[in-house]
Amino acid sequence: MISLLQRVSQASVTVAGREVGAIGPGLLVLLCAERGDTDAVADKLLAKLLKLRIFSDAAGKMNLSVQDVAGGLLIVSQFTLAADTSGGNRPSFTGAAAPDEGRRLYDYFVAKARAAHPVVATGEFAADMQVALINDGPVTIPLRVVATA
């Protein structure tokens, strides 16, 4: 499972002119399920991102997690994170989970996030979304967890 985390002052997602999700300070989580991903992989990724110390403490050091600062999570599905550009100029997305499995894992991840964290907003799976954000820092961190045998 691949994610791209952006520490934000605020972020929102709009679909067909309608805002479907928004947060204030927190993390924008772009999320992609890959072929072979499992619930256990999603659990591991969520645990890591909730504890990742990328928010500033009183001394200005990145020493606090999104949970420590009571920040929001805006979770947006983005299969293009699985892009393979090694074979030419058109990306291949064969590494992404099939749509039904991708939706299942996305929904699972969101449900687990809502159970573990008080402020969780989302985009709409497979929708044409417009994402607006103010990246705080800027801080952008790729985070990937792979299934183990």
C-alpha atoms as a PDB file:
ATOM      1  CA  MET A   1       0.000   0.000   0.000  1.00  0.00           C
ATOM      2  CA  ILE A   2       1.359   3.360  -1.011  1.00  0.00           C
ATOM      3  CA  SER A   3       0.563   6.704   0.542  1.00  0.00           C
ATOM      4  CA  LEU A   4       1.785  10.225   0.105  1.00  0.00           C
ATOM      5  CA  LEU A   5       1.394  12.282   3.273  1.00  0.00           C
ATOM      6  CA  GLN A   6       1.268  16.042   3.187  1.00  0.00           C
ATOM      7  CA  ARG A   7       1.260  18.058   6.394  1.00  0.00           C
ATOM      8  CA  VAL A   8      -1.340  20.739   5.768  1.00  0.00           C
ATOM      9  CA  SER A   9      -2.755  23.881   7.337  1.00  0.00           C
ATOM     10  CA  GLN A  10      -5.984  22.978   5.565  1.00  0.00           C
ATOM     11  CA  ALA A  11      -7.182  20.713   2.766  1.00  0.00           C
ATOM     12  CA  SER A  12     -10.419  19.940   0.977  1.00  0.00           C
ATOM     13  CA  VAL A  13     -11.826  17.713  -1.758  1.00  0.00           C
ATOM     14  CA  THR A  14     -14.489  18.774  -4.226  1.00  0.00           C
ATOM     15  CA  VAL A  15     -16.475  16.504  -6.561  1.00  0.00           C
ATOM     16  CA  ALA A  16     -18.693  18.044  -9.256  1.00  0.00           C
ATOM     17  CA  GLY A  17     -18.583  21.427  -7.523  1.00  0.00           C
ATOM     18  CA  ARG A  18     -19.571  19.976  -4.119  1.00  0.00           C
ATOM     19  CA  GLU A  19     -17.149  19.856  -1.195  1.00  0.00           C
ATOM     20  CA  VAL A  20     -17.137  16.258   0.058  1.00  0.00           C
ATOM     21  CA  GLY A  21     -14.362  16.454   2.662  1.00  0.00           C
ATOM     22  CA  ALA A  22     -12.276  19.073   4.443  1.00  0.00           C
ATOM     23  CA  ILE A  23      -9.899  19.403   7.373  1.00  0.00           C
ATOM     24  CA  GLY A  24      -7.980  22.142   9.108  1.00  0.00           C
ATOM     25  CA  PRO A  25      -4.437  21.397  10.284  1.00  0.00           C
ATOM     26  CA  GLY A  26      -3.457  17.758   9.848  1.00  0.00           C
ATOM     27  CA  LEU A  27      -2.512  15.291   7.144  1.00  0.00           C
ATOM     28  CA  LEU A  28      -3.713  14.922   3.587  1.00  0.00           C
ATOM     29  CA  VAL A  29      -3.307  11.197   2.909  1.00  0.00           C
ATOM     30  CA  LEU A  30      -3.233  10.183  -0.755  1.00  0.00           C
ATOM     31  CA  LEU A  31      -3.752   6.418  -0.691  1.00  0.00           C
ATOM     32  CA  CYS A  32      -3.276   3.607  -3.211  1.00  0.00           C
ATOM     33  CA  ALA A  33      -3.916  -0.095  -2.684  1.00  0.00           C
ATOM     34  CA  GLU A  34      -1.601  -2.324  -4.680  1.00  0.00           C
ATOM     35  CA  ARG A  35      -2.110  -5.853  -5.967  1.00  0.00           C
ATOM     36  CA  GLY A  36      -1.545  -8.284  -3.114  1.00  0.00           C
ATOM     37  CA  ASP A  37      -2.294  -5.797  -0.341  1.00  0.00           C
ATOM     38  CA  THR A  38      -4.222  -7.106   2.667  1.00  0.00           C
ATOM     39  CA  ASP A  39      -6.068  -5.747   5.663  1.00  0.00           C
ATOM     40  CA  ALA A  40      -2.881  -6.334   7.682  1.00  0.00           C
ATOM     41  CA  VAL A  41      -0.939  -4.075   5.298  1.00  0.00           C
ATOM     42  CA  ALA A  42      -3.576  -1.360   5.681  1.00  0.00           C
ATOM     43  CA  ASP A  43      -3.442  -1.725   9.488  1.00  0.00           C
ATOM     44  CA  LYS A  44       0.355  -1.362   9.472  1.00  0.00           C
ATOM     45  CA  LEU A  45       0.245   1.729   7.243  1.00  0.00           C
ATOM     46  CA  LEU A  46      -2.405   3.390   9.390  1.00  0.00           C
ATOM     47  CA  ALA A  47      -0.488   2.675  12.605  1.00  0.00           C
ATOM     48  CA  LYS A  48       2.663   4.168  11.076  1.00  0.00           C
ATOM     49  CA  LEU A  49       1.035   7.350   9.792  1.00  0.00           C
ATOM     50  CA  LEU A  50      -0.814   8.005  13.049  1.00  0.00           C
ATOM     51  CA  LYS A  51       2.460   7.859  15.010  1.00  0.00           C
ATOM     52  CA  LEU A  52       4.770   9.516  12.447  1.00  0.00           C
ATOM     53  CA  ARG A  53       6.379  12.492  14.177  1.00  0.00           C
ATOM     54  CA  ILE A  54       6.217  15.217  11.537  1.00  0.00           C
ATOM     55  CA  PHE A  55       4.553  18.059  13.447  1.00  0.00           C
ATOM     56  CA  SER A  56       6.591  20.674  15.272  1.00  0.00           C
ATOM     57  CA  ASP A  57       6.915  20.747  19.041  1.00  0.00           C
ATOM     58  CA  ALA A  58       7.393  23.942  21.097  1.00  0.00           C
ATOM     59  CA  ALA A  59      11.078  24.014  20.113  1.00  0.00           C
ATOM     60  CA  GLY A  60      10.234  23.818  16.398  1.00  0.00           C
ATOM     61  CA  LYS A  61      11.483  20.222  15.988  1.00  0.00           C
ATOM     62  CA  MET A  62       9.440  17.613  14.147  1.00  0.00           C
ATOM     63  CA  ASN A  63       8.623  15.625  17.248  1.00  0.00           C
ATOM     64  CA  LEU A  64       4.820  15.294  17.371  1.00  0.00           C
ATOM     65  CA  SER A  65       2.359  13.030  15.558  1.00  0.00           C
ATOM     66  CA  VAL A  66      -1.011  13.918  14.059  1.00  0.00           C
ATOM     67  CA  GLN A  67      -2.537  12.316  17.143  1.00  0.00           C
ATOM     68  CA  ASP A  68      -0.386  14.437  19.459  1.00  0.00           C
ATOM     69  CA  VAL A  69      -1.574  17.655  17.796  1.00  0.00           C
ATOM     70  CA  ALA A  70      -5.205  16.461  17.359  1.00  0.00           C
ATOM     71  CA  GLY A  71      -4.929  17.151  13.641  1.00  0.00           C
ATOM     72  CA  GLY A  72      -7.347  15.965  11.002  1.00  0.00           C
ATOM     73  CA  LEU A  73      -6.918  13.285   8.362  1.00  0.00           C
ATOM     74  CA  LEU A  74      -8.215  13.798   4.829  1.00  0.00           C
ATOM     75  CA  ILE A  75      -7.961  10.422   3.094  1.00  0.00           C
ATOM     76  CA  VAL A  76      -8.149  10.488  -0.701  1.00  0.00           C
ATOM     77  CA  SER A  77      -7.907   7.451  -2.972  1.00  0.00           C
ATOM     78  CA  GLN A  78      -5.298   7.870  -5.690  1.00  0.00           C
ATOM     79  CA  PHE A  79      -4.479   4.823  -7.800  1.00  0.00           C
ATOM     80  CA  THR A  80      -1.954   6.842  -9.811  1.00  0.00           C
ATOM     81  CA  LEU A  81       0.534   6.431  -6.958  1.00  0.00           C
ATOM     82  CA  ALA A  82       1.091   2.937  -8.392  1.00  0.00           C
ATOM     83  CA  ALA A  83       2.261   4.392 -11.728  1.00  0.00           C
ATOM     84  CA  ASP A  84       5.093   2.546 -13.464  1.00  0.00           C
ATOM     85  CA  THR A  85       6.880   4.919 -15.833  1.00  0.00           C
ATOM     86  CA  SER A  86       9.765   2.605 -16.737  1.00  0.00           C
ATOM     87  CA  GLY A  87       8.312   1.489 -20.061  1.00  0.00           C
ATOM     88  CA  GLY A  88       7.896   4.707 -21.988  1.00  0.00           C
ATOM     89  CA  ASN A  89       5.945   7.919 -21.710  1.00  0.00           C
ATOM     90  CA  ARG A  90       2.536   6.517 -20.811  1.00  0.00           C
ATOM     91  CA  PRO A  91       2.356   5.284 -17.208  1.00  0.00           C
ATOM     92  CA  SER A  92       1.128   1.783 -16.511  1.00  0.00           C
ATOM     93  CA  PHE A  93      -1.107   1.230 -13.505  1.00  0.00           C
ATOM     94  CA  THR A  94      -1.068  -2.559 -13.461  1.00  0.00           C
ATOM     95  CA  GLY A  95       0.479  -2.503  -9.981  1.00  0.00           C
ATOM     96  CA  ALA A  96      -2.654  -0.941  -8.507  1.00  0.00           C
ATOM     97  CA  ALA A  97      -5.232  -3.235  -6.960  1.00  0.00           C
ATOM     98  CA  ALA A  98      -8.230  -4.108  -9.117  1.00  0.00           C
ATOM     99  CA  PRO A  99     -11.013  -1.533  -8.636  1.00  0.00           C
ATOM    100  CA  ASP A 100     -13.237  -3.727  -6.427  1.00  0.00           C
ATOM    101  CA  GLU A 101     -10.335  -4.718  -4.177  1.00  0.00           C
ATOM    102  CA  GLY A 102      -8.990  -1.160  -4.155  1.00  0.00           C
ATOM    103  CA  ARG A 103     -12.382   0.129  -2.990  1.00  0.00           C
ATOM    104  CA  ARG A 104     -12.639  -2.580  -0.336  1.00  0.00           C
ATOM    105  CA  LEU A 105      -9.183  -1.754   1.050  1.00  0.00           C
ATOM    106  CA  TYR A 106      -9.839   1.998   0.893  1.00  0.00           C
ATOM    107  CA  ASP A 107     -13.128   1.574   2.774  1.00  0.00           C
ATOM    108  CA  TYR A 108     -11.399  -0.698   5.296  1.00  0.00           C
ATOM    109  CA  PHE A 109      -8.599   1.854   5.824  1.00  0.00           C
ATOM    110  CA  VAL A 110     -11.091   4.701   6.298  1.00  0.00           C
ATOM    111  CA  ALA A 111     -13.184   2.680   8.779  1.00  0.00           C
ATOM    112  CA  LYS A 112     -10.074   1.791  10.799  1.00  0.00           C
ATOM    113  CA  ALA A 113      -8.900   5.423  10.704  1.00  0.00           C
ATOM    114  CA  ARG A 114     -12.282   6.617  11.983  1.00  0.00           C
ATOM    115  CA  ALA A 115     -12.134   4.081  14.807  1.00  0.00           C
ATOM    116  CA  ALA A 116      -8.631   5.216  15.809  1.00  0.00           C
ATOM    117  CA  HIS A 117      -8.725   8.978  15.198  1.00  0.00           C
ATOM    118  CA  PRO A 118     -11.397  11.609  15.961  1.00  0.00           C
ATOM    119  CA  VAL A 119     -11.202  13.763  12.802  1.00  0.00           C
ATOM    120  CA  VAL A 120     -11.328  11.879   9.495  1.00  0.00           C
ATOM    121  CA  ALA A 121     -12.684  13.223   6.214  1.00  0.00           C
ATOM    122  CA  THR A 122     -12.523  11.595   2.787  1.00  0.00           C
ATOM    123  CA  GLY A 123     -12.803  12.070  -0.905  1.00  0.00           C
ATOM    124  CA  GLU A 124     -14.949   9.786  -3.077  1.00  0.00           C
ATOM    125  CA  PHE A 125     -13.431   6.575  -4.390  1.00  0.00           C
ATOM    126  CA  ALA A 126     -13.037   6.561  -8.208  1.00  0.00           C
ATOM    127  CA  ALA A 127     -14.474  10.070  -8.578  1.00  0.00           C
ATOM    128  CA  ASP A 128     -12.921  12.929 -10.521  1.00  0.00           C
ATOM    129  CA  MET A 129     -11.795  14.996  -7.537  1.00  0.00           C
ATOM    130  CA  GLN A 130     -10.261  18.405  -7.122  1.00  0.00           C
ATOM    131  CA  VAL A 131      -7.983  18.551  -4.097  1.00  0.00           C
ATOM    132  CA  ALA A 132      -7.043  21.894  -2.581  1.00  0.00           C
ATOM    133  CA  LEU A 133      -4.428  22.192   0.124  1.00  0.00           C
ATOM    134  CA  ILE A 134      -2.021  24.458   1.871  1.00  0.00           C
ATOM    135  CA  ASN A 135       1.077  22.346   2.449  1.00  0.00           C
ATOM    136  CA  ASP A 136       2.552  23.290   5.816  1.00  0.00           C
ATOM    137  CA  GLY A 137       6.330  23.437   5.721  1.00  0.00           C
ATOM    138  CA  PRO A 138       6.173  22.160   3.047  1.00  0.00           C
ATOM    139  CA  VAL A 139       6.276  18.630   4.412  1.00  0.00           C
ATOM    140  CA  THR A 140       5.548  15.782   1.993  1.00  0.00           C
ATOM    141  CA  ILE A 141       6.467  12.203   2.865  1.00  0.00           C
ATOM    142  CA  PRO A 142       6.005   9.032   0.817  1.00  0.00           C
ATOM    143  CA  LEU A 143       5.069   6.048   2.960  1.00  0.00           C
ATOM    144  CA  ARG A 144       4.800   2.493   1.670  1.00  0.00           C
ATOM    145  CA  VAL A 145       4.020  -0.775   3.394  1.00  0.00           C
ATOM    146  CA  VAL A 146       4.256  -4.024   1.451  1.00  0.00           C
ATOM    147  CA  ALA A 147       2.719  -7.394   2.125  1.00  0.00           C
ATOM    148  CA  THR A 148       5.127  -9.878   3.648  1.00  0.00           C
ATOM    149  CA  ALA A 149       5.142 -13.568   2.961  1.00  0.00           C
END
